[in-house]
Amino acid sequence: MKAKYILTAVFSAALLSSCSDFLDVQKEGEPTTTLYFTNDDQAVDAIDALYAPIHQEGLFGRELYWEQGGACDIVWGRTRSYPTLANLQYTGDEDPLKGTYGRLTGLISRANWVVEQLLKKQQSTTLTAVETRSLGEAFFMRAFSHFYVAYRYGNDKQGVPFVRYEDFPGGYDNSIPKQQASVVDNYKMIIEDLDNAIKYLPNFKDYGIDNRGRAHKAAAVAYKAKVYAYWAAFDSKQWENVIKMVDALENEYGRDLAPEFADIFSSDFSNYWTKEYLFGIAGTGGDTPGGSEFPGVILENKGWGVYNGWGQIKPSYDIFEEMLKDGAGNARITRSVLEYGQEFQFFGETRKFFSTSDVESGFMINKYMDPFKYENADKNGYVSSNGNWPTARVHMPLVRFAEMLLFRAEANLVLGHADLAAKDINRVRNRSHLTPLSGNATWADLYHERRCELAFEYSDHLYDLKRWFHSGAAEIKELAKKELNAHPRARHYADRGDWNSTFEVGPYEDYLNEANPAVKPVEYDDHLMVFPYPSTEITKSGGALKQNDGY
């Protein structure tokens, strides 16, 4: 099976002039400034260049995940230069975190240009089937990148900058995008783009094997559900729309859970596209690796001398303790977290986990480790042969159907249907052979299930906490407040090289210095629901971009 990803770039009219399969990692052709969208090949290249940045280190390869250090599920594993994020003193100017805003807004502008050009062509001629699909993909990618900017930086007091290029009759005049009055205005435009995406996109089943991984109708519906859930932080009526979207995914698009939890993170290509799949980054290994480097980022630093893992993100004791509530050794915890002494396969050998890499938590993320189990995994195509770009043959979900069920459960809790919430939570629990809830669901059940099921994925646990803190439901607000104001804990082993060593549980040590005491010095409040804009972005805007309150 072919499963590679293109790694190209697009800068307005400067696009690649040759055709390449969506899954082809190798860049083909040279940039050109000639007239674009004259044939299907150019439309495909333009869209492939929109997908490429999300796979890279600066976004979903690594940088966006650093933000999760502001919650208590992960610690950084190696000393970082931005403990301000974990201690609620983040300024927006810390490297490399500050770069994500510009990368996402750059992706918006690229998608904007493609939408504008294809709509302009549509006015004068009938688009081909490929161009029609490409228009849907451009709408999807504009909504996708807009969404990740909107909820990170926008709230009910002020939104984020955004304009649609097609709204300028004479063509976009390159003016600074308008900062919307409220993030709700952004959410409305994101929903409109997703509706347009649904109009033009094919269903997933209509894609050939070489084009799987592209946006499809159900992916757009899933992101609508997520947008409505985030919008609901400011307007609880939007929870009704969340239920409608999840119902549609189930009843109209045939989405469901994969048979087993481990299937989602399998190195078997046939498991990439189960009914649970909605949208994500399909990774490969081999000599021309594609996907996200995240599996190598989280691997033990230097991989016990076998492979160049980076050792940069580790589970905390807190998330392990939360997962233990479902029983030691349950199917979800063992697939999600490696703890000392736990057996696992690595490059054809049976090992027991221990770690000596840099600042340690006592755990390692196990969700994406399946491709590393094979003998000569780097030579046999399961992981990248280049340890400096350590992708692996595993699918990294950005949104999947289990999350949709948990959003519907949350919606039903808000709307007073705790019995229906329990049904959806139990579907997720039953899949992992966990004891089902015996009665109606509570907010504590929802908190636990969402935290454990989606751990170490790009579902954004930190923002879950922020929107729950903003919630009118006292129980979930208190749970969120407790975690936001806590300091993550780790296991500290007497002998880190010995899996039988004794340990103590205590604060994660990397934050422990005079400037960053064990207890976070700032109490969480609502202004922290959004990040501050990098000061360079405000400077570049000439003051048109207004900093968020409290920063």
Protein backbone atom coordinates (compact mmCIF):
# COMPACT_ATOMS: atom_id res chain seq x y z
CA MET A 1 0.00 0.00 0.00
CA LYS A 2 1.22 3.46 -0.87
CA ALA A 3 1.11 5.83 2.10
CA LYS A 4 3.44 8.79 1.79
CA TYR A 5 2.90 12.48 2.30
CA ILE A 6 3.92 15.43 0.18
CA LEU A 7 6.16 18.01 1.88
CA THR A 8 5.84 21.08 -0.34
CA ALA A 9 5.09 24.75 0.19
CA VAL A 10 2.80 27.28 -1.46
CA PHE A 11 3.11 31.02 -1.33
CA SER A 12 0.13 32.58 -3.13
CA ALA A 13 0.90 32.20 -6.86
CA ALA A 14 4.30 30.59 -6.29
CA LEU A 15 3.22 26.96 -6.45
CA LEU A 16 4.71 23.72 -7.67
CA SER A 17 4.09 23.20 -11.36
CA SER A 18 4.18 19.41 -11.55
CA CYS A 19 1.71 16.77 -10.47
CA SER A 20 2.33 14.50 -7.50
CA ASP A 21 0.20 12.01 -5.64
CA PHE A 22 -1.21 13.31 -2.38
CA LEU A 23 0.71 10.66 -0.48
CA ASP A 24 4.04 11.31 -2.20
CA VAL A 25 6.59 12.74 0.21
CA GLN A 26 9.03 13.83 -2.50
CA LYS A 27 8.80 17.38 -3.82
CA GLU A 28 8.53 17.52 -7.59
CA GLY A 29 9.15 20.37 -9.99
CA GLU A 30 10.25 23.94 -9.42
CA PRO A 31 8.17 26.89 -8.18
CA THR A 32 6.51 28.95 -10.88
CA THR A 33 4.77 32.28 -10.99
CA THR A 34 2.87 31.53 -14.21
CA LEU A 35 -0.92 31.37 -14.37
CA TYR A 36 -2.20 28.70 -12.02
CA PHE A 37 -5.23 26.37 -12.03
CA THR A 38 -5.06 25.68 -15.74
CA ASN A 39 -5.31 21.90 -15.21
CA ASP A 40 -6.07 19.26 -12.59
CA ASP A 41 -2.42 18.66 -11.77
CA GLN A 42 -1.99 22.23 -10.62
CA ALA A 43 -5.12 22.08 -8.48
CA VAL A 44 -3.81 18.94 -6.79
CA ASP A 45 -0.39 20.51 -6.15
CA ALA A 46 -1.99 23.63 -4.67
CA ILE A 47 -4.07 21.58 -2.23
CA ASP A 48 -1.26 19.20 -1.30
CA ALA A 49 0.77 22.25 -0.31
CA LEU A 50 -2.01 23.22 2.13
CA TYR A 51 -1.81 19.87 3.90
CA ALA A 52 1.98 19.84 4.15
CA PRO A 53 2.48 22.37 7.01
CA ILE A 54 0.23 20.53 9.46
CA HIS A 55 2.56 17.51 9.32
CA GLN A 56 5.66 19.50 10.08
CA GLU A 57 7.46 20.14 13.35
CA GLY A 58 6.16 23.70 13.66
CA LEU A 59 2.53 22.59 14.04
CA PHE A 60 1.28 19.03 14.68
CA GLY A 61 4.74 17.50 14.52
CA ARG A 62 5.61 18.91 17.91
CA GLU A 63 5.25 22.62 18.66
CA LEU A 64 1.50 22.75 19.29
CA TYR A 65 1.80 19.92 21.78
CA TRP A 66 4.18 21.85 24.04
CA GLU A 67 1.10 23.82 25.13
CA GLN A 68 -0.20 20.77 27.00
CA GLY A 69 2.45 21.46 29.65
CA GLY A 70 -0.04 24.03 30.96
CA ALA A 71 -2.22 21.14 32.20
CA CYS A 72 -1.12 18.12 34.25
CA ASP A 73 -1.16 15.19 31.82
CA ILE A 74 2.34 15.63 30.42
CA VAL A 75 5.69 17.03 31.39
CA TRP A 76 8.37 18.01 28.92
CA GLY A 77 10.94 15.33 29.74
CA ARG A 78 13.84 17.59 28.82
CA THR A 79 14.55 21.05 30.22
CA ARG A 80 12.59 23.67 28.30
CA SER A 81 13.09 27.42 28.03
CA TYR A 82 9.45 28.29 28.67
CA PRO A 83 8.33 27.12 32.15
CA THR A 84 6.15 30.26 32.07
CA LEU A 85 3.60 28.20 30.14
CA ALA A 86 3.30 25.62 32.93
CA ASN A 87 3.25 28.27 35.64
CA LEU A 88 0.54 30.42 34.05
CA GLN A 89 2.94 33.25 33.27
CA TYR A 90 3.19 32.74 29.51
CA THR A 91 3.91 35.95 27.58
CA GLY A 92 3.39 34.74 24.01
CA ASP A 93 7.00 35.51 23.05
CA GLU A 94 8.68 32.29 24.14
CA ASP A 95 10.45 30.27 21.43
CA PRO A 96 9.45 28.09 19.70
CA LEU A 97 5.86 28.43 20.88
CA LYS A 98 5.36 31.90 19.44
CA GLY A 99 5.82 30.63 15.89
CA THR A 100 2.63 28.59 15.77
CA TYR A 101 0.43 31.68 15.43
CA GLY A 102 2.23 32.84 12.29
CA ARG A 103 2.26 29.35 10.80
CA LEU A 104 -1.48 28.94 11.25
CA THR A 105 -2.33 32.40 9.93
CA GLY A 106 0.01 31.76 7.00
CA LEU A 107 -1.93 28.59 6.27
CA ILE A 108 -5.17 30.59 6.38
CA SER A 109 -3.82 33.02 3.79
CA ARG A 110 -2.70 30.22 1.48
CA ALA A 111 -6.08 28.49 1.72
CA ASN A 112 -7.75 31.86 1.19
CA TRP A 113 -5.87 32.31 -2.08
CA VAL A 114 -6.78 28.85 -3.37
CA VAL A 115 -10.46 29.38 -2.51
CA GLU A 116 -10.44 32.74 -4.26
CA GLN A 117 -8.80 31.39 -7.41
CA LEU A 118 -11.06 28.37 -7.75
CA LEU A 119 -14.21 30.40 -7.12
CA LYS A 120 -13.04 32.88 -9.77
CA LYS A 121 -12.53 30.04 -12.24
CA GLN A 122 -15.94 28.59 -11.34
CA GLN A 123 -17.57 31.86 -12.46
CA SER A 124 -16.27 31.44 -16.01
CA THR A 125 -16.31 27.67 -16.54
CA THR A 126 -17.43 24.38 -15.05
CA LEU A 127 -14.85 22.99 -12.65
CA THR A 128 -13.60 19.49 -13.26
CA ALA A 129 -14.29 16.80 -10.66
CA VAL A 130 -10.75 17.21 -9.29
CA GLU A 131 -11.07 21.00 -9.16
CA THR A 132 -14.44 20.70 -7.41
CA ARG A 133 -12.91 18.40 -4.81
CA SER A 134 -9.96 20.78 -4.50
CA LEU A 135 -12.32 23.68 -3.79
CA GLY A 136 -13.88 21.63 -0.99
CA GLU A 137 -10.44 20.83 0.40
CA ALA A 138 -9.46 24.51 0.31
CA PHE A 139 -12.61 25.48 2.22
CA PHE A 140 -11.87 22.72 4.72
CA MET A 141 -8.26 23.73 5.25
CA ARG A 142 -9.22 27.39 5.63
CA ALA A 143 -11.76 26.41 8.30
CA PHE A 144 -9.31 23.98 9.93
CA SER A 145 -6.50 26.52 10.36
CA HIS A 146 -8.92 29.33 11.25
CA PHE A 147 -10.40 27.19 14.02
CA TYR A 148 -7.03 26.46 15.64
CA VAL A 149 -6.24 30.18 15.67
CA ALA A 150 -9.71 31.23 16.81
CA TYR A 151 -10.05 29.26 20.02
CA ARG A 152 -6.43 29.79 21.06
CA TYR A 153 -6.55 33.56 20.75
CA GLY A 154 -10.21 34.60 20.59
CA ASN A 155 -12.92 34.95 23.22
CA ASP A 156 -16.24 36.71 23.70
CA LYS A 157 -14.45 40.03 24.26
CA GLN A 158 -12.58 40.03 20.95
CA GLY A 159 -12.06 37.65 18.08
CA VAL A 160 -9.09 36.92 15.86
CA PRO A 161 -8.11 38.53 12.54
CA PHE A 162 -9.77 37.00 9.48
CA VAL A 163 -11.02 38.03 6.05
CA ARG A 164 -12.21 36.00 3.08
CA TYR A 165 -10.35 36.96 -0.08
CA GLU A 166 -13.41 36.31 -2.22
CA ASP A 167 -15.24 39.09 -0.37
CA PHE A 168 -13.06 41.68 -2.15
CA PRO A 169 -14.73 42.37 -5.57
CA GLY A 170 -11.51 43.55 -7.17
CA GLY A 171 -9.37 40.88 -5.52
CA TYR A 172 -7.79 40.88 -2.10
CA ASP A 173 -6.00 44.20 -1.56
CA ASN A 174 -3.40 42.77 0.86
CA SER A 175 -4.73 44.85 3.73
CA ILE A 176 -4.30 43.66 7.31
CA PRO A 177 -7.10 41.18 8.11
CA LYS A 178 -9.83 42.59 10.31
CA GLN A 179 -9.86 41.46 13.95
CA GLN A 180 -13.39 40.19 14.56
CA ALA A 181 -15.47 41.68 17.38
CA SER A 182 -15.92 38.29 19.07
CA VAL A 183 -14.65 34.78 18.55
CA VAL A 184 -18.29 33.88 17.94
CA ASP A 185 -18.00 35.83 14.67
CA ASN A 186 -15.02 33.68 13.80
CA TYR A 187 -16.91 30.51 14.66
CA LYS A 188 -19.79 31.54 12.40
CA MET A 189 -17.42 31.99 9.45
CA ILE A 190 -15.68 28.69 10.21
CA ILE A 191 -19.05 26.91 10.14
CA GLU A 192 -19.84 28.56 6.79
CA ASP A 193 -16.53 27.32 5.37
CA LEU A 194 -17.18 23.82 6.66
CA ASP A 195 -20.64 23.86 5.08
CA ASN A 196 -19.02 24.82 1.77
CA ALA A 197 -16.48 22.06 2.26
CA ILE A 198 -19.30 19.54 2.72
CA LYS A 199 -20.92 20.85 -0.48
CA TYR A 200 -17.85 20.16 -2.64
CA LEU A 201 -16.02 17.32 -0.89
CA PRO A 202 -16.53 13.63 -1.69
CA ASN A 203 -17.37 11.01 0.90
CA PHE A 204 -14.40 9.13 2.30
CA LYS A 205 -15.41 5.91 0.53
CA ASP A 206 -15.15 7.68 -2.83
CA TYR A 207 -11.40 8.21 -2.49
CA GLY A 208 -9.00 5.77 -4.08
CA ILE A 209 -6.33 4.22 -1.92
CA ASP A 210 -3.68 6.81 -2.93
CA ASN A 211 -5.89 9.71 -1.81
CA ARG A 212 -6.97 8.54 1.60
CA GLY A 213 -6.08 11.11 4.21
CA ARG A 214 -7.62 14.01 2.28
CA ALA A 215 -10.50 15.96 3.74
CA HIS A 216 -13.93 14.40 3.19
CA LYS A 217 -17.50 15.23 4.11
CA ALA A 218 -17.52 13.44 7.48
CA ALA A 219 -14.28 15.18 8.50
CA ALA A 220 -15.96 18.54 7.92
CA VAL A 221 -19.02 17.45 9.92
CA ALA A 222 -16.73 16.37 12.78
CA TYR A 223 -15.03 19.74 12.86
CA LYS A 224 -18.43 21.40 12.86
CA ALA A 225 -19.24 19.42 16.00
CA LYS A 226 -15.99 20.56 17.59
CA VAL A 227 -16.54 24.21 16.63
CA TYR A 228 -20.05 24.13 18.09
CA ALA A 229 -18.70 22.60 21.32
CA TYR A 230 -16.16 25.40 21.68
CA TRP A 231 -18.76 28.01 20.73
CA ALA A 232 -20.98 26.58 23.46
CA ALA A 233 -18.58 28.04 26.06
CA PHE A 234 -20.27 31.36 25.21
CA ASP A 235 -23.71 30.13 24.10
CA SER A 236 -25.03 26.89 25.61
CA LYS A 237 -27.66 26.53 22.86
CA GLN A 238 -24.87 25.35 20.56
CA TRP A 239 -24.81 22.00 22.38
CA GLU A 240 -27.96 21.10 20.43
CA ASN A 241 -25.94 21.52 17.22
CA VAL A 242 -23.21 19.28 18.61
CA ILE A 243 -25.78 16.50 19.04
CA LYS A 244 -27.06 17.03 15.47
CA MET A 245 -23.55 16.76 14.04
CA VAL A 246 -22.67 13.59 15.95
CA ASP A 247 -26.01 12.05 15.03
CA ALA A 248 -25.25 12.80 11.38
CA LEU A 249 -21.81 11.22 11.61
CA GLU A 250 -23.36 8.07 12.99
CA ASN A 251 -26.53 7.81 10.94
CA GLU A 252 -25.67 9.48 7.62
CA TYR A 253 -21.95 8.80 7.35
CA GLY A 254 -21.75 5.43 9.11
CA ARG A 255 -19.04 6.37 11.58
CA ASP A 256 -18.49 4.14 14.62
CA LEU A 257 -15.78 2.99 17.01
CA ALA A 258 -12.95 0.74 15.87
CA PRO A 259 -13.34 -2.78 17.27
CA GLU A 260 -10.42 -2.42 19.70
CA PHE A 261 -8.66 0.60 21.21
CA ALA A 262 -5.29 -0.66 19.94
CA ASP A 263 -6.57 -0.73 16.34
CA ILE A 264 -6.50 3.07 16.23
CA PHE A 265 -2.73 3.14 16.82
CA SER A 266 -1.78 0.07 14.79
CA SER A 267 1.11 -0.02 12.32
CA ASP A 268 -1.10 -2.08 9.99
CA PHE A 269 -2.22 0.23 7.16
CA SER A 270 -5.56 -1.58 7.02
CA ASN A 271 -6.37 -0.21 10.49
CA TYR A 272 -5.79 3.40 9.46
CA TRP A 273 -9.21 3.76 7.89
CA THR A 274 -11.64 2.13 10.30
CA LYS A 275 -15.07 3.65 10.91
CA GLU A 276 -13.54 5.60 13.78
CA TYR A 277 -11.30 7.56 11.42
CA LEU A 278 -12.35 11.14 10.74
CA PHE A 279 -9.21 13.20 10.14
CA GLY A 280 -5.58 12.93 11.11
CA ILE A 281 -2.01 12.44 9.97
CA ALA A 282 -1.13 9.05 8.54
CA GLY A 283 2.54 8.36 9.15
CA THR A 284 5.08 6.15 7.43
CA GLY A 285 8.63 5.08 7.96
CA GLY A 286 11.26 3.96 5.48
CA ASP A 287 13.69 5.99 3.41
CA THR A 288 11.12 8.59 2.33
CA PRO A 289 9.21 9.04 5.60
CA GLY A 290 5.97 10.96 5.78
CA GLY A 291 3.60 12.09 8.50
CA SER A 292 4.36 13.65 11.86
CA GLU A 293 7.61 13.29 13.79
CA PHE A 294 5.61 13.06 17.04
CA PRO A 295 6.24 9.28 17.54
CA GLY A 296 9.98 10.00 17.62
CA VAL A 297 9.61 13.14 19.72
CA ILE A 298 8.03 11.13 22.54
CA LEU A 299 10.34 8.13 22.30
CA GLU A 300 13.03 7.68 24.99
CA ASN A 301 15.94 9.99 24.24
CA LYS A 302 18.41 8.10 22.02
CA GLY A 303 16.14 5.05 22.21
CA TRP A 304 18.32 2.97 24.58
CA GLY A 305 21.12 3.23 22.04
CA VAL A 306 19.06 1.66 19.26
CA TYR A 307 17.23 4.58 17.59
CA ASN A 308 17.36 8.37 17.88
CA GLY A 309 14.32 9.13 20.00
CA TRP A 310 14.07 12.66 21.33
CA GLY A 311 12.66 12.10 24.85
CA GLN A 312 10.79 15.39 24.87
CA ILE A 313 7.24 14.71 26.11
CA LYS A 314 6.38 12.31 28.95
CA PRO A 315 3.21 11.29 30.80
CA SER A 316 2.86 12.66 34.32
CA TYR A 317 2.05 10.59 37.37
CA ASP A 318 -1.28 12.47 37.44
CA ILE A 319 -2.61 11.00 34.18
CA PHE A 320 -1.35 7.54 35.14
CA GLU A 321 -3.16 7.84 38.48
CA GLU A 322 -6.35 8.93 36.68
CA MET A 323 -6.18 5.94 34.33
CA LEU A 324 -5.58 3.59 37.27
CA LYS A 325 -9.12 4.34 38.44
CA ASP A 326 -10.22 1.85 35.78
CA GLY A 327 -7.98 -0.87 37.23
CA ALA A 328 -4.30 -1.73 36.92
CA GLY A 329 -3.33 -3.29 33.60
CA ASN A 330 -6.53 -2.36 31.77
CA ALA A 331 -6.45 -2.32 27.96
CA ARG A 332 -6.43 1.45 27.68
CA ILE A 333 -3.74 2.27 30.23
CA THR A 334 -1.26 -0.34 28.97
CA ARG A 335 -1.72 0.85 25.37
CA SER A 336 -1.38 4.50 26.39
CA VAL A 337 1.45 4.56 28.97
CA LEU A 338 4.64 2.59 29.57
CA GLU A 339 5.57 2.38 33.25
CA TYR A 340 8.70 0.96 34.84
CA GLY A 341 8.93 -2.80 34.41
CA GLN A 342 6.19 -2.98 31.75
CA GLU A 343 7.18 -5.29 28.92
CA PHE A 344 7.17 -4.01 25.36
CA GLN A 345 8.67 -4.92 22.00
CA PHE A 346 11.38 -2.67 20.58
CA PHE A 347 13.22 -3.43 17.34
CA GLY A 348 12.44 -7.13 17.69
CA GLU A 349 13.46 -7.46 21.34
CA THR A 350 11.32 -7.89 24.45
CA ARG A 351 12.29 -5.18 26.93
CA LYS A 352 11.16 -3.88 30.27
CA PHE A 353 10.71 -0.16 30.31
CA PHE A 354 13.06 2.15 32.18
CA SER A 355 14.32 5.62 31.35
CA THR A 356 17.51 7.55 31.92
CA SER A 357 16.85 10.45 29.57
CA ASP A 358 17.25 13.98 30.94
CA VAL A 359 14.52 15.17 33.34
CA GLU A 360 12.34 12.15 33.96
CA SER A 361 8.72 11.45 34.88
CA GLY A 362 8.95 7.67 35.23
CA PHE A 363 6.72 7.00 32.20
CA MET A 364 6.66 7.09 28.41
CA ILE A 365 3.78 7.49 25.95
CA ASN A 366 2.94 4.10 24.43
CA LYS A 367 0.13 5.00 22.01
CA TYR A 368 2.36 5.37 18.96
CA MET A 369 4.92 2.65 19.71
CA ASP A 370 3.50 -0.19 17.59
CA PRO A 371 5.79 0.37 14.56
CA PHE A 372 8.87 0.34 16.80
CA LYS A 373 8.28 -3.28 17.81
CA TYR A 374 9.59 -4.86 14.59
CA GLU A 375 13.08 -6.19 14.07
CA ASN A 376 15.13 -3.66 12.05
CA ALA A 377 12.11 -1.37 12.09
CA ASP A 378 14.07 1.44 10.44
CA LYS A 379 15.35 -0.80 7.66
CA ASN A 380 12.05 -2.59 7.07
CA GLY A 381 9.97 0.53 6.55
CA TYR A 382 8.17 0.77 9.89
CA VAL A 383 10.02 3.81 11.21
CA SER A 384 12.03 6.47 9.45
CA SER A 385 15.54 5.52 8.44
CA ASN A 386 16.44 9.11 9.32
CA GLY A 387 16.46 9.54 13.08
CA ASN A 388 16.44 13.31 12.60
CA TRP A 389 12.96 13.01 11.09
CA PRO A 390 11.57 10.16 13.21
CA THR A 391 8.17 9.51 11.69
CA ALA A 392 6.65 6.07 12.04
CA ARG A 393 4.00 3.89 10.41
CA VAL A 394 1.12 4.86 12.70
CA HIS A 395 -1.94 7.04 12.32
CA MET A 396 -2.04 10.10 14.57
CA PRO A 397 -5.67 11.21 14.92
CA LEU A 398 -6.57 14.88 15.05
CA VAL A 399 -10.23 14.04 15.52
CA ARG A 400 -11.87 10.61 15.76
CA PHE A 401 -15.33 9.24 16.44
CA ALA A 402 -14.71 8.44 20.13
CA GLU A 403 -14.18 12.14 20.72
CA MET A 404 -17.46 12.82 18.95
CA LEU A 405 -19.29 10.44 21.29
CA LEU A 406 -17.77 12.22 24.27
CA PHE A 407 -18.83 15.60 22.89
CA ARG A 408 -22.38 14.26 22.53
CA ALA A 409 -22.21 12.95 26.09
CA GLU A 410 -21.09 16.38 27.27
CA ALA A 411 -23.93 18.01 25.34
CA ASN A 412 -26.46 15.70 26.95
CA LEU A 413 -25.08 16.46 30.42
CA VAL A 414 -25.55 20.18 29.76
CA LEU A 415 -29.08 19.58 28.46
CA GLY A 416 -30.07 17.43 31.44
CA HIS A 417 -29.98 14.01 29.77
CA ALA A 418 -27.48 12.22 31.99
CA ASP A 419 -28.88 8.83 30.94
CA LEU A 420 -28.03 9.49 27.28
CA ALA A 421 -24.61 10.76 28.30
CA ALA A 422 -23.97 7.46 30.08
CA LYS A 423 -24.80 5.51 26.91
CA ASP A 424 -22.14 7.29 24.88
CA ILE A 425 -19.55 7.11 27.63
CA ASN A 426 -20.23 3.41 28.04
CA ARG A 427 -19.75 2.78 24.33
CA VAL A 428 -16.24 4.15 24.68
CA ARG A 429 -15.58 2.25 27.91
CA ASN A 430 -16.97 -1.04 26.61
CA ARG A 431 -14.67 -0.90 23.60
CA SER A 432 -11.69 -0.94 25.99
CA HIS A 433 -13.30 -3.66 28.16
CA LEU A 434 -13.70 -1.28 31.10
CA THR A 435 -16.45 -1.55 33.68
CA PRO A 436 -19.41 0.46 32.36
CA LEU A 437 -21.15 3.17 34.36
CA SER A 438 -23.95 1.63 36.38
CA GLY A 439 -26.23 4.67 36.34
CA ASN A 440 -26.50 8.16 34.96
CA ALA A 441 -23.29 9.91 33.97
CA THR A 442 -21.84 12.73 36.04
CA TRP A 443 -19.46 15.53 35.13
CA ALA A 444 -16.71 13.62 36.93
CA ASP A 445 -17.36 10.67 34.60
CA LEU A 446 -17.12 12.92 31.55
CA TYR A 447 -13.92 14.55 32.81
CA HIS A 448 -12.33 11.17 33.48
CA GLU A 449 -13.38 9.59 30.20
CA ARG A 450 -12.35 12.44 27.95
CA ARG A 451 -9.03 12.85 29.78
CA CYS A 452 -8.12 9.15 29.64
CA GLU A 453 -9.50 8.18 26.22
CA LEU A 454 -7.87 11.08 24.38
CA ALA A 455 -4.63 11.35 26.36
CA PHE A 456 -1.54 12.31 24.33
CA GLU A 457 -3.57 13.19 21.24
CA TYR A 458 -4.09 16.59 19.65
CA SER A 459 -7.62 16.82 21.07
CA ASP A 460 -6.34 19.64 23.35
CA HIS A 461 -6.90 18.64 26.96
CA LEU A 462 -5.62 22.03 28.12
CA TYR A 463 -8.39 23.84 26.28
CA ASP A 464 -10.95 21.35 27.61
CA LEU A 465 -9.93 22.56 31.07
CA LYS A 466 -10.18 26.20 30.03
CA ARG A 467 -13.66 25.90 28.56
CA TRP A 468 -14.81 23.80 31.53
CA PHE A 469 -13.50 26.46 33.90
CA HIS A 470 -15.63 28.93 31.93
CA SER A 471 -18.62 26.58 32.28
CA GLY A 472 -21.68 27.25 34.38
CA ALA A 473 -21.60 23.67 35.72
CA ALA A 474 -20.04 23.85 39.20
CA GLU A 475 -18.75 20.25 39.27
CA ILE A 476 -16.78 20.39 36.02
CA LYS A 477 -15.53 23.90 36.77
CA GLU A 478 -14.10 22.72 40.08
CA LEU A 479 -12.36 19.74 38.46
CA ALA A 480 -10.85 22.00 35.81
CA LYS A 481 -9.77 24.58 38.39
CA LYS A 482 -8.05 21.92 40.48
CA GLU A 483 -5.95 20.68 37.58
CA LEU A 484 -5.18 24.12 36.14
CA ASN A 485 -3.79 25.25 39.50
CA ALA A 486 -1.91 22.03 40.25
CA HIS A 487 1.74 21.21 39.67
CA PRO A 488 2.25 17.93 37.74
CA ARG A 489 3.84 15.07 39.63
CA ALA A 490 6.35 12.44 38.56
CA ARG A 491 7.87 9.24 39.87
CA HIS A 492 11.41 9.79 41.12
CA TYR A 493 13.38 6.53 41.08
CA ALA A 494 16.31 5.75 43.34
CA ASP A 495 18.03 4.05 40.38
CA ARG A 496 16.57 5.10 37.06
CA GLY A 497 18.38 2.35 35.20
CA ASP A 498 16.65 -0.39 37.23
CA TRP A 499 12.95 -1.12 36.59
CA ASN A 500 12.75 -2.74 40.03
CA SER A 501 14.01 0.38 41.76
CA THR A 502 12.05 2.07 44.51
CA PHE A 503 10.52 5.45 43.79
CA GLU A 504 8.81 8.41 45.39
CA VAL A 505 6.02 10.47 43.91
CA GLY A 506 6.72 14.19 43.95
CA PRO A 507 6.56 17.38 41.89
CA TYR A 508 8.06 17.29 38.43
CA GLU A 509 11.56 18.64 38.98
CA ASP A 510 12.10 20.72 35.87
CA TYR A 511 10.00 23.56 37.25
CA LEU A 512 11.62 23.54 40.66
CA ASN A 513 13.85 26.58 40.95
CA GLU A 514 13.61 29.98 42.58
CA ALA A 515 11.82 31.51 39.63
CA ASN A 516 9.37 28.64 39.29
CA PRO A 517 8.36 27.12 42.64
CA ALA A 518 6.56 23.82 42.90
CA VAL A 519 3.19 25.50 43.41
CA LYS A 520 2.14 27.61 40.46
CA PRO A 521 2.48 31.23 41.59
CA VAL A 522 -0.48 32.46 39.53
CA GLU A 523 -4.08 31.46 40.23
CA TYR A 524 -5.96 30.57 37.07
CA ASP A 525 -8.62 33.05 35.98
CA ASP A 526 -10.73 33.56 32.86
CA HIS A 527 -8.32 35.86 31.00
CA LEU A 528 -6.08 32.80 30.66
CA MET A 529 -8.71 31.10 28.50
CA VAL A 530 -6.79 32.52 25.55
CA PHE A 531 -3.09 32.89 24.83
CA PRO A 532 -1.44 36.28 24.38
CA TYR A 533 -0.53 37.29 20.85
CA PRO A 534 3.22 37.33 20.19
CA SER A 535 4.40 40.93 20.49
CA THR A 536 6.01 40.70 17.05
CA GLU A 537 2.57 40.10 15.50
CA ILE A 538 1.18 43.23 17.16
CA THR A 539 4.18 45.23 15.96
CA LYS A 540 3.83 43.93 12.40
CA SER A 541 0.14 44.89 12.37
CA GLY A 542 0.94 48.51 13.18
CA GLY A 543 -1.41 48.35 16.14
CA ALA A 544 -4.34 46.89 14.18
CA LEU A 545 -4.05 43.72 16.25
CA LYS A 546 -5.17 44.32 19.83
CA GLN A 547 -3.58 42.27 22.60
CA ASN A 548 -5.89 40.08 24.68
CA ASP A 549 -7.00 41.43 28.04
CA GLY A 550 -4.76 40.71 31.02
CA TYR A 551 -1.54 40.36 29.03
